[in-house]
Structures are given as C-alpha cells and as structure tokens.
Amino acid sequence: MSAAVWQLDTNILLAATIAPERLPDEIAELLRDPDKTVSFSTASIWEVAIKRLLNRKSFDFNPADAHQLAVETGFA
C-alpha cells in the first residue's frame, strides 16, 4: 500500500509553518502522520506573493520565507 499524499491549501500551509498552535488538533495530527506525505503547491507561494503585492496590512508574509519554512517543516 502506498502512502497517502496531502496537498495543503495556502491557509493551512501558512498556519502549519507560522502558527501551528492555531491548527485544529485533528489537522495537526494528520500533518504529523508519518504514513502521509504532506506537500504544498507552487500556486500557494504564488498566492502569497500576490497578496503581499496588494499591500494588505493584515497580510505581511514573504513568499520566499513561506517557501523556506514549508521546506524546513518537511513538506514536499
């Protein structure tokens, strides 16, 4: 049996890398499951870049930092 692959949406990606304590317990457990590969899409990093370019005061995430944190967290 092959391992399951989970692809994160942008909101979960940011929460998991920047504020994992905000994730619901059920999601946090799924992300820690060693039988699952957790991945993120280039589209999520692109979305972070676009939102940053819109200069929203409530959105101050750097796309390069988001990518680096995702990789350091172990997401594929």
C-alpha atoms as a PDB file:
ATOM      1  CA  MET A   1       0.000   0.000   0.000  1.00  0.00           C
ATOM      2  CA  SER A   2       1.392   3.413  -0.938  1.00  0.00           C
ATOM      3  CA  ALA A   3       1.473   6.331   1.455  1.00  0.00           C
ATOM      4  CA  ALA A   4      -1.237   8.948   1.258  1.00  0.00           C
ATOM      5  CA  VAL A   5      -0.309  12.374  -0.077  1.00  0.00           C
ATOM      6  CA  TRP A   6      -1.911  15.519   1.312  1.00  0.00           C
ATOM      7  CA  GLN A   7      -1.627  18.806  -0.551  1.00  0.00           C
ATOM      8  CA  LEU A   8      -2.114  21.821   1.664  1.00  0.00           C
ATOM      9  CA  ASP A   9      -4.094  24.858   0.686  1.00  0.00           C
ATOM     10  CA  THR A  10      -2.485  28.240   1.303  1.00  0.00           C
ATOM     11  CA  ASN A  11      -4.250  28.944   4.610  1.00  0.00           C
ATOM     12  CA  ILE A  12      -3.259  25.619   6.146  1.00  0.00           C
ATOM     13  CA  LEU A  13       0.277  25.935   4.759  1.00  0.00           C
ATOM     14  CA  LEU A  14       0.748  29.315   6.431  1.00  0.00           C
ATOM     15  CA  ALA A  15      -0.813  28.188   9.692  1.00  0.00           C
ATOM     16  CA  ALA A  16       1.240  24.984   9.791  1.00  0.00           C
ATOM     17  CA  THR A  17       4.518  26.803   9.234  1.00  0.00           C
ATOM     18  CA  ILE A  18       3.971  30.082  11.074  1.00  0.00           C
ATOM     19  CA  ALA A  19       1.444  29.355  13.830  1.00  0.00           C
ATOM     20  CA  PRO A  20       0.938  25.577  14.154  1.00  0.00           C
ATOM     21  CA  GLU A  21      -0.718  26.040  17.540  1.00  0.00           C
ATOM     22  CA  ARG A  22      -3.680  27.583  15.691  1.00  0.00           C
ATOM     23  CA  LEU A  23      -4.394  24.393  13.764  1.00  0.00           C
ATOM     24  CA  PRO A  24      -7.260  22.235  14.979  1.00  0.00           C
ATOM     25  CA  ASP A  25      -5.896  19.141  16.761  1.00  0.00           C
ATOM     26  CA  GLU A  26      -7.307  16.817  14.106  1.00  0.00           C
ATOM     27  CA  ILE A  27      -5.456  18.605  11.301  1.00  0.00           C
ATOM     28  CA  ALA A  28      -2.227  18.814  13.302  1.00  0.00           C
ATOM     29  CA  GLU A  29      -2.386  15.048  13.896  1.00  0.00           C
ATOM     30  CA  LEU A  30      -2.915  14.371  10.193  1.00  0.00           C
ATOM     31  CA  LEU A  31       0.083  16.522   9.298  1.00  0.00           C
ATOM     32  CA  ARG A  32       2.300  14.626  11.768  1.00  0.00           C
ATOM     33  CA  ASP A  33       1.263  11.192  10.464  1.00  0.00           C
ATOM     34  CA  PRO A  34       4.447   9.516   9.141  1.00  0.00           C
ATOM     35  CA  ASP A  35       2.393   7.468   6.675  1.00  0.00           C
ATOM     36  CA  LYS A  36       1.358  10.625   4.825  1.00  0.00           C
ATOM     37  CA  THR A  37       3.386  12.834   2.545  1.00  0.00           C
ATOM     38  CA  VAL A  38       2.435  16.472   3.028  1.00  0.00           C
ATOM     39  CA  SER A  39       3.008  18.696   0.030  1.00  0.00           C
ATOM     40  CA  PHE A  40       2.361  22.263  -0.998  1.00  0.00           C
ATOM     41  CA  SER A  41       1.855  23.807  -4.380  1.00  0.00           C
ATOM     42  CA  THR A  42       3.831  26.477  -6.143  1.00  0.00           C
ATOM     43  CA  ALA A  43       0.423  28.108  -6.560  1.00  0.00           C
ATOM     44  CA  SER A  44       0.308  28.659  -2.789  1.00  0.00           C
ATOM     45  CA  ILE A  45       3.617  30.524  -2.866  1.00  0.00           C
ATOM     46  CA  TRP A  46       2.340  32.479  -5.873  1.00  0.00           C
ATOM     47  CA  GLU A  47      -0.825  33.354  -3.915  1.00  0.00           C
ATOM     48  CA  VAL A  48       1.296  34.616  -1.013  1.00  0.00           C
ATOM     49  CA  ALA A  49       3.281  36.795  -3.438  1.00  0.00           C
ATOM     50  CA  ILE A  50       0.137  38.273  -4.998  1.00  0.00           C
ATOM     51  CA  LYS A  51      -1.444  39.043  -1.632  1.00  0.00           C
ATOM     52  CA  ARG A  52       1.777  40.678  -0.488  1.00  0.00           C
ATOM     53  CA  LEU A  53       1.864  42.827  -3.644  1.00  0.00           C
ATOM     54  CA  LEU A  54      -1.658  44.029  -2.829  1.00  0.00           C
ATOM     55  CA  ASN A  55      -0.160  45.610   0.318  1.00  0.00           C
ATOM     56  CA  ARG A  56      -2.846  44.313   2.636  1.00  0.00           C
ATOM     57  CA  LYS A  57      -1.957  45.378   6.162  1.00  0.00           C
ATOM     58  CA  SER A  58      -3.322  42.146   7.576  1.00  0.00           C
ATOM     59  CA  PHE A  59      -1.143  40.058   5.241  1.00  0.00           C
ATOM     60  CA  ASP A  60       2.571  40.501   5.810  1.00  0.00           C
ATOM     61  CA  PHE A  61       4.014  37.181   4.666  1.00  0.00           C
ATOM     62  CA  ASN A  62       7.084  36.981   2.462  1.00  0.00           C
ATOM     63  CA  PRO A  63       6.709  34.309  -0.251  1.00  0.00           C
ATOM     64  CA  ALA A  64      10.382  33.299  -0.011  1.00  0.00           C
ATOM     65  CA  ASP A  65      10.045  32.865   3.750  1.00  0.00           C
ATOM     66  CA  ALA A  66       6.832  30.867   3.317  1.00  0.00           C
ATOM     67  CA  HIS A  67       8.595  28.542   0.873  1.00  0.00           C
ATOM     68  CA  GLN A  68      11.643  28.128   3.103  1.00  0.00           C
ATOM     69  CA  LEU A  69       9.533  27.404   6.183  1.00  0.00           C
ATOM     70  CA  ALA A  70       7.470  24.846   4.273  1.00  0.00           C
ATOM     71  CA  VAL A  71      10.602  23.017   3.130  1.00  0.00           C
ATOM     72  CA  GLU A  72      12.187  23.207   6.604  1.00  0.00           C
ATOM     73  CA  THR A  73       8.977  21.819   8.101  1.00  0.00           C
ATOM     74  CA  GLY A  74       9.390  18.793   5.864  1.00  0.00           C
ATOM     75  CA  PHE A  75       6.623  19.474   3.388  1.00  0.00           C
ATOM     76  CA  ALA A  76       7.316  18.322  -0.148  1.00  0.00           C
END
